[in-house]
Amino acid sequence: MSTTVAGATNPKRSIALKLTVIARQLRQNFDHSIEGSDLTRAKWSLIAAVARNPGATQHAIANALEVREITAGRLIDRLCEAGYLERRPKPNDRRAYCVFLTARAQPMLEKLEELARLHESEIFAGLNEQDLETLDTLLDSVAHDLAVARTAGTAAK
């Protein structure tokens, strides 16, 4: 999948398009692997976000998931009602609540971890440890440059 502009190959555009396609395929592949369970992308994404950052506020969770705060709040409400999450008052801020996993979420988290390991072994089967380290470093650099560009774009507005 190479991209040409006026007859010349544009590797930056080709890579950007590949990253977009790969990200979509990763989500679709993982969603397919959890079919048949009661997990949805919204549920597992939120549960994974809380597992990575126990005690996060609804605002922080919304930012991590790149959704609006009201959207995260509704999903948190549903998962609290189902017994997977709980809200606790945030110390020193009576307006905010911290979100934590409950014991009921643990089996779901373990299933997610197992599926993630299988998924990762399939998609990275052709790469050795050195390849993975190099790819990780390169993607960190791209993520950093993207964050800098986004910050500069926000400052320019």
Protein backbone atom coordinates (compact mmCIF):
# COMPACT_ATOMS: atom_id res chain seq x y z
CA MET A 1 0.00 0.00 0.00
CA SER A 2 2.21 2.85 -1.17
CA THR A 3 0.88 6.33 -1.72
CA THR A 4 2.02 8.45 -4.61
CA VAL A 5 1.78 12.17 -4.96
CA ALA A 6 2.54 13.57 -8.41
CA GLY A 7 4.28 10.30 -9.29
CA ALA A 8 6.58 10.28 -6.24
CA THR A 9 6.24 7.86 -3.36
CA ASN A 10 5.25 9.53 -0.10
CA PRO A 11 6.37 7.20 2.70
CA LYS A 12 4.97 9.46 5.45
CA ARG A 13 1.48 9.32 3.96
CA SER A 14 1.78 5.59 3.34
CA ILE A 15 2.78 4.97 6.95
CA ALA A 16 0.02 7.24 8.30
CA LEU A 17 -2.58 5.38 6.23
CA LYS A 18 -1.20 2.01 7.31
CA LEU A 19 -1.36 3.04 10.98
CA THR A 20 -4.98 4.09 10.53
CA VAL A 21 -5.90 0.81 8.85
CA ILE A 22 -3.93 -1.26 11.36
CA ALA A 23 -5.61 0.49 14.32
CA ARG A 24 -9.05 -0.26 12.87
CA GLN A 25 -8.09 -3.87 12.13
CA LEU A 26 -6.70 -4.35 15.64
CA ARG A 27 -10.00 -3.15 17.14
CA GLN A 28 -12.06 -5.31 14.79
CA ASN A 29 -9.90 -8.38 15.39
CA PHE A 30 -10.11 -8.00 19.17
CA ASP A 31 -13.86 -7.36 19.00
CA HIS A 32 -14.23 -10.55 16.98
CA SER A 33 -12.21 -12.49 19.56
CA ILE A 34 -14.62 -11.48 22.35
CA GLU A 35 -17.80 -12.26 20.41
CA GLY A 36 -20.07 -14.52 22.38
CA SER A 37 -19.12 -13.03 25.73
CA ASP A 38 -21.14 -10.28 27.38
CA LEU A 39 -18.27 -7.89 26.71
CA THR A 40 -18.66 -4.99 24.33
CA ARG A 41 -15.89 -2.66 23.20
CA ALA A 42 -17.30 0.08 25.40
CA LYS A 43 -17.35 -2.21 28.46
CA TRP A 44 -13.92 -3.74 28.03
CA SER A 45 -12.35 -0.40 27.13
CA LEU A 46 -13.71 1.22 30.27
CA ILE A 47 -12.87 -1.71 32.53
CA ALA A 48 -9.34 -1.79 31.12
CA ALA A 49 -8.99 1.99 31.61
CA VAL A 50 -10.05 1.72 35.26
CA ALA A 51 -7.75 -1.29 35.77
CA ARG A 52 -4.80 0.77 34.45
CA ASN A 53 -5.72 3.76 36.61
CA PRO A 54 -7.68 2.71 39.73
CA GLY A 55 -9.39 5.65 41.38
CA ALA A 56 -9.56 7.75 38.22
CA THR A 57 -12.31 10.32 37.98
CA GLN A 58 -15.01 10.20 35.34
CA HIS A 59 -13.26 13.12 33.64
CA ALA A 60 -9.92 11.27 33.49
CA ILE A 61 -11.63 8.12 32.19
CA ALA A 62 -13.42 10.09 29.48
CA ASN A 63 -10.09 11.60 28.41
CA ALA A 64 -8.39 8.20 28.36
CA LEU A 65 -11.19 6.74 26.21
CA GLU A 66 -11.44 9.86 24.04
CA VAL A 67 -15.17 10.19 24.65
CA ARG A 68 -17.31 12.93 26.13
CA GLU A 69 -17.62 12.96 29.89
CA ILE A 70 -21.39 12.33 29.73
CA THR A 71 -20.78 9.24 27.58
CA ALA A 72 -18.25 7.87 30.06
CA GLY A 73 -20.62 8.71 32.91
CA ARG A 74 -23.49 6.74 31.42
CA LEU A 75 -21.29 3.72 30.82
CA ILE A 76 -19.86 3.96 34.33
CA ASP A 77 -23.45 4.09 35.65
CA ARG A 78 -24.34 0.89 33.76
CA LEU A 79 -21.21 -0.92 34.93
CA CYS A 80 -21.84 0.21 38.53
CA GLU A 81 -25.41 -1.12 38.30
CA ALA A 82 -24.05 -4.41 36.92
CA GLY A 83 -21.63 -4.61 39.86
CA TYR A 84 -18.37 -4.28 37.88
CA LEU A 85 -17.43 -0.79 39.08
CA GLU A 86 -17.99 1.36 42.12
CA ARG A 87 -17.77 5.07 42.72
CA ARG A 88 -16.20 6.38 45.89
CA PRO A 89 -16.04 10.00 47.02
CA LYS A 90 -12.83 11.70 45.99
CA PRO A 91 -10.83 12.92 48.96
CA ASN A 92 -10.60 16.71 49.12
CA ASP A 93 -13.24 17.22 46.37
CA ARG A 94 -16.84 16.53 47.32
CA ARG A 95 -18.02 17.12 43.75
CA ALA A 96 -15.96 14.31 42.23
CA TYR A 97 -15.95 10.55 42.54
CA CYS A 98 -13.19 8.03 41.99
CA VAL A 99 -13.99 4.88 40.03
CA PHE A 100 -12.72 1.46 41.05
CA LEU A 101 -13.15 -2.12 39.86
CA THR A 102 -15.12 -4.46 42.08
CA ALA A 103 -14.32 -8.10 42.76
CA ARG A 104 -16.98 -9.00 40.18
CA ALA A 105 -14.89 -7.34 37.46
CA GLN A 106 -11.84 -9.51 38.16
CA PRO A 107 -12.95 -12.53 36.06
CA MET A 108 -13.77 -10.16 33.18
CA LEU A 109 -10.36 -8.54 33.53
CA GLU A 110 -8.66 -11.94 33.55
CA LYS A 111 -10.58 -12.94 30.39
CA LEU A 112 -9.53 -9.69 28.72
CA GLU A 113 -5.91 -10.33 29.68
CA GLU A 114 -6.04 -13.85 28.26
CA LEU A 115 -7.64 -12.66 25.01
CA ALA A 116 -5.13 -9.82 24.74
CA ARG A 117 -2.19 -12.24 25.09
CA LEU A 118 -3.60 -14.51 22.36
CA HIS A 119 -4.33 -11.51 20.16
CA GLU A 120 -0.81 -10.12 20.63
CA SER A 121 0.87 -13.45 19.90
CA GLU A 122 -1.06 -13.70 16.62
CA ILE A 123 -0.49 -10.17 15.38
CA PHE A 124 3.19 -9.98 16.34
CA ALA A 125 4.09 -13.54 15.34
CA GLY A 126 6.44 -12.33 12.59
CA LEU A 127 8.47 -10.03 14.83
CA ASN A 128 11.33 -10.92 17.18
CA GLU A 129 12.13 -9.11 20.44
CA GLN A 130 14.51 -6.65 18.76
CA ASP A 131 11.90 -5.84 16.09
CA LEU A 132 9.32 -5.21 18.81
CA GLU A 133 11.68 -2.92 20.74
CA THR A 134 12.48 -0.97 17.57
CA LEU A 135 8.82 -0.68 16.61
CA ASP A 136 7.92 0.43 20.14
CA THR A 137 10.62 3.12 20.07
CA LEU A 138 9.55 4.37 16.65
CA LEU A 139 5.88 4.50 17.63
CA ASP A 140 6.81 6.38 20.83
CA SER A 141 8.56 8.95 18.64
CA VAL A 142 5.54 9.28 16.34
CA ALA A 143 3.21 9.61 19.36
CA HIS A 144 5.46 12.31 20.85
CA ASP A 145 5.59 14.26 17.58
CA LEU A 146 1.81 13.97 17.24
CA ALA A 147 1.30 15.25 20.80
CA VAL A 148 3.63 18.19 20.13
CA ALA A 149 1.79 19.00 16.88
CA ARG A 150 -1.58 18.77 18.62
CA THR A 151 -0.42 21.04 21.42
CA ALA A 152 1.00 23.53 18.92
CA GLY A 153 -2.26 23.38 16.95
CA THR A 154 -4.28 24.04 20.09
CA ALA A 155 -2.01 26.95 21.06
CA ALA A 156 -2.37 28.47 17.58
CA LYS A 157 -6.17 28.60 17.80
